[in-house]
C-alpha cells in the first residue's frame, strides 16, 4: 500500500492538534454567538455547494485524464513523502502537539 502524503501530514501531532484546537474554537464560537452561527452556517452551505459543483464539473475531465495522470500523481506523492521524511528528521517538533 502506497503512503499518502496528505494522510501523513494530517497524522503529525502538530497538525492534528492544531486542527482539533481550531475545530473546538470554531464550534464554541458558533455556540456562543447566535449571529456568528447563522453566518457560519450560510458560509458552510455555500462552500459545500461550490465544492459539489466543482466536483460535478470536473468529473468528465478527471475521468478522461485519469490514466495519464495516475503515474504522475504517484511520482509526486512519492517525492512529497520523501520530503516529509526529511522534514520529520530535521524538525523533531513536528512530532509534538502544539501545546508542547
C-alpha atoms as a PDB file:
ATOM      1  CA  UNK A   1       0.000   0.000   0.000  1.00  0.00           C
ATOM      2  CA  UNK A   2       1.442   3.329  -1.049  1.00  0.00           C
ATOM      3  CA  UNK A   3       1.695   6.058   1.566  1.00  0.00           C
ATOM      4  CA  UNK A   4      -0.438   9.136   1.071  1.00  0.00           C
ATOM      5  CA  UNK A   5       1.401  12.344   1.915  1.00  0.00           C
ATOM      6  CA  UNK A   6      -1.781  14.192   2.895  1.00  0.00           C
ATOM      7  CA  UNK A   7      -2.739  11.470   5.375  1.00  0.00           C
ATOM      8  CA  UNK A   8       0.770  11.522   6.815  1.00  0.00           C
ATOM      9  CA  UNK A   9       0.713  15.293   7.256  1.00  0.00           C
ATOM     10  CA  UNK A  10      -2.695  15.163   8.938  1.00  0.00           C
ATOM     11  CA  UNK A  11      -1.388  12.494  11.333  1.00  0.00           C
ATOM     12  CA  UNK A  12       1.533  14.629  12.505  1.00  0.00           C
ATOM     13  CA  UNK A  13       0.828  15.560  16.136  1.00  0.00           C
ATOM     14  CA  UNK A  14       1.499  19.253  15.499  1.00  0.00           C
ATOM     15  CA  UNK A  15      -1.002  19.300  12.619  1.00  0.00           C
ATOM     16  CA  UNK A  16      -3.692  17.125  14.213  1.00  0.00           C
ATOM     17  CA  UNK A  17      -3.601  19.060  17.491  1.00  0.00           C
ATOM     18  CA  UNK A  18      -3.832  22.358  15.605  1.00  0.00           C
ATOM     19  CA  UNK A  19      -6.834  21.106  13.637  1.00  0.00           C
ATOM     20  CA  UNK A  20      -8.538  19.881  16.816  1.00  0.00           C
ATOM     21  CA  UNK A  21      -7.942  23.227  18.531  1.00  0.00           C
ATOM     22  CA  UNK A  22      -9.317  25.171  15.560  1.00  0.00           C
ATOM     23  CA  UNK A  23     -12.385  22.903  15.392  1.00  0.00           C
ATOM     24  CA  UNK A  24     -13.088  23.395  19.113  1.00  0.00           C
ATOM     25  CA  UNK A  25     -12.697  27.187  18.804  1.00  0.00           C
ATOM     26  CA  UNK A  26     -14.936  27.290  15.744  1.00  0.00           C
ATOM     27  CA  UNK A  27     -17.626  25.196  17.452  1.00  0.00           C
ATOM     28  CA  UNK A  28     -17.516  27.172  20.687  1.00  0.00           C
ATOM     29  CA  UNK A  29     -17.721  30.463  18.772  1.00  0.00           C
ATOM     30  CA  UNK A  30     -20.774  29.222  16.892  1.00  0.00           C
ATOM     31  CA  UNK A  31     -22.387  28.088  20.162  1.00  0.00           C
ATOM     32  CA  UNK A  32     -21.637  31.370  21.965  1.00  0.00           C
ATOM     33  CA  UNK A  33     -22.709  33.806  19.280  1.00  0.00           C
ATOM     34  CA  UNK A  34     -26.026  33.087  17.520  1.00  0.00           C
ATOM     35  CA  UNK A  35     -25.416  35.713  14.826  1.00  0.00           C
ATOM     36  CA  UNK A  36     -21.989  34.265  14.075  1.00  0.00           C
ATOM     37  CA  UNK A  37     -23.531  30.776  13.965  1.00  0.00           C
ATOM     38  CA  UNK A  38     -26.016  31.811  11.286  1.00  0.00           C
ATOM     39  CA  UNK A  39     -23.278  33.490   9.226  1.00  0.00           C
ATOM     40  CA  UNK A  40     -21.082  30.387   9.555  1.00  0.00           C
ATOM     41  CA  UNK A  41     -23.932  28.083   8.514  1.00  0.00           C
ATOM     42  CA  UNK A  42     -24.577  30.151   5.371  1.00  0.00           C
ATOM     43  CA  UNK A  43     -20.862  30.080   4.581  1.00  0.00           C
ATOM     44  CA  UNK A  44     -20.652  26.320   5.201  1.00  0.00           C
ATOM     45  CA  UNK A  45     -23.604  25.647   2.868  1.00  0.00           C
ATOM     46  CA  UNK A  46     -22.010  27.848   0.221  1.00  0.00           C
ATOM     47  CA  UNK A  47     -18.688  26.032   0.449  1.00  0.00           C
ATOM     48  CA  UNK A  48     -20.411  22.642   0.261  1.00  0.00           C
ATOM     49  CA  UNK A  49     -22.425  23.735  -2.767  1.00  0.00           C
ATOM     50  CA  UNK A  50     -19.381  25.174  -4.520  1.00  0.00           C
ATOM     51  CA  UNK A  51     -17.408  22.003  -3.814  1.00  0.00           C
ATOM     52  CA  UNK A  52     -20.183  19.785  -5.167  1.00  0.00           C
ATOM     53  CA  UNK A  53     -20.485  21.952  -8.274  1.00  0.00           C
ATOM     54  CA  UNK A  54     -16.729  21.880  -8.851  1.00  0.00           C
ATOM     55  CA  UNK A  55     -16.650  18.086  -8.481  1.00  0.00           C
ATOM     56  CA  UNK A  56     -19.563  17.694 -10.887  1.00  0.00           C
ATOM     57  CA  UNK A  57     -17.929  19.991 -13.435  1.00  0.00           C
ATOM     58  CA  UNK A  58     -14.508  18.359 -13.193  1.00  0.00           C
ATOM     59  CA  UNK A  59     -15.667  14.745 -13.222  1.00  0.00           C
ATOM     60  CA  UNK A  60     -15.598  14.288 -17.037  1.00  0.00           C
ATOM     61  CA  UNK A  61     -12.156  15.886 -17.263  1.00  0.00           C
ATOM     62  CA  UNK A  62     -10.781  13.800 -14.418  1.00  0.00           C
ATOM     63  CA  UNK A  63     -12.215  10.620 -15.919  1.00  0.00           C
ATOM     64  CA  UNK A  64     -10.578  11.373 -19.267  1.00  0.00           C
ATOM     65  CA  UNK A  65      -7.188  12.337 -17.802  1.00  0.00           C
ATOM     66  CA  UNK A  66      -7.055   9.764 -15.016  1.00  0.00           C
ATOM     67  CA  UNK A  67      -4.987   7.102 -16.816  1.00  0.00           C
ATOM     68  CA  UNK A  68      -2.314   9.636 -17.848  1.00  0.00           C
ATOM     69  CA  UNK A  69      -2.266  11.442 -14.502  1.00  0.00           C
ATOM     70  CA  UNK A  70      -2.216   8.396 -12.249  1.00  0.00           C
ATOM     71  CA  UNK A  71       1.509   7.763 -12.617  1.00  0.00           C
ATOM     72  CA  UNK A  72       2.352  11.471 -12.326  1.00  0.00           C
ATOM     73  CA  UNK A  73       0.345  11.706  -9.097  1.00  0.00           C
ATOM     74  CA  UNK A  74       2.091   8.606  -7.741  1.00  0.00           C
ATOM     75  CA  UNK A  75       5.509  10.092  -8.520  1.00  0.00           C
ATOM     76  CA  UNK A  76       4.571  13.448  -6.939  1.00  0.00           C
ATOM     77  CA  UNK A  77       3.171  11.695  -3.849  1.00  0.00           C
ATOM     78  CA  UNK A  78       6.342   9.609  -3.541  1.00  0.00           C
ATOM     79  CA  UNK A  79       8.540  12.706  -3.761  1.00  0.00           C
ATOM     80  CA  UNK A  80       6.376  14.518  -1.220  1.00  0.00           C
ATOM     81  CA  UNK A  81       6.603  11.558   1.186  1.00  0.00           C
ATOM     82  CA  UNK A  82      10.392  11.591   0.913  1.00  0.00           C
ATOM     83  CA  UNK A  83      10.384  15.339   1.555  1.00  0.00           C
ATOM     84  CA  UNK A  84       8.200  14.779   4.601  1.00  0.00           C
ATOM     85  CA  UNK A  85      10.605  12.091   5.847  1.00  0.00           C
ATOM     86  CA  UNK A  86      13.389  14.669   5.611  1.00  0.00           C
ATOM     87  CA  UNK A  87      11.336  17.337   7.443  1.00  0.00           C
ATOM     88  CA  UNK A  88      10.399  14.929  10.230  1.00  0.00           C
ATOM     89  CA  UNK A  89      14.063  14.036  10.649  1.00  0.00           C
ATOM     90  CA  UNK A  90      15.243  17.667  10.708  1.00  0.00           C
ATOM     91  CA  UNK A  91      12.368  19.171  12.727  1.00  0.00           C
ATOM     92  CA  UNK A  92      11.557  16.942  15.734  1.00  0.00           C
ATOM     93  CA  UNK A  93       8.946  19.471  16.953  1.00  0.00           C
ATOM     94  CA  UNK A  94       6.585  18.131  14.275  1.00  0.00           C
ATOM     95  CA  UNK A  95       6.117  15.074  16.481  1.00  0.00           C
ATOM     96  CA  UNK A  96       4.677  17.080  19.390  1.00  0.00           C
ATOM     97  CA  UNK A  97       1.260  18.669  19.867  1.00  0.00           C
ATOM     98  CA  UNK A  98       1.108  22.444  19.608  1.00  0.00           C
ATOM     99  CA  UNK A  99       0.875  22.953  23.383  1.00  0.00           C
ATOM    100  CA  UNK A 100       4.235  21.226  23.901  1.00  0.00           C
END
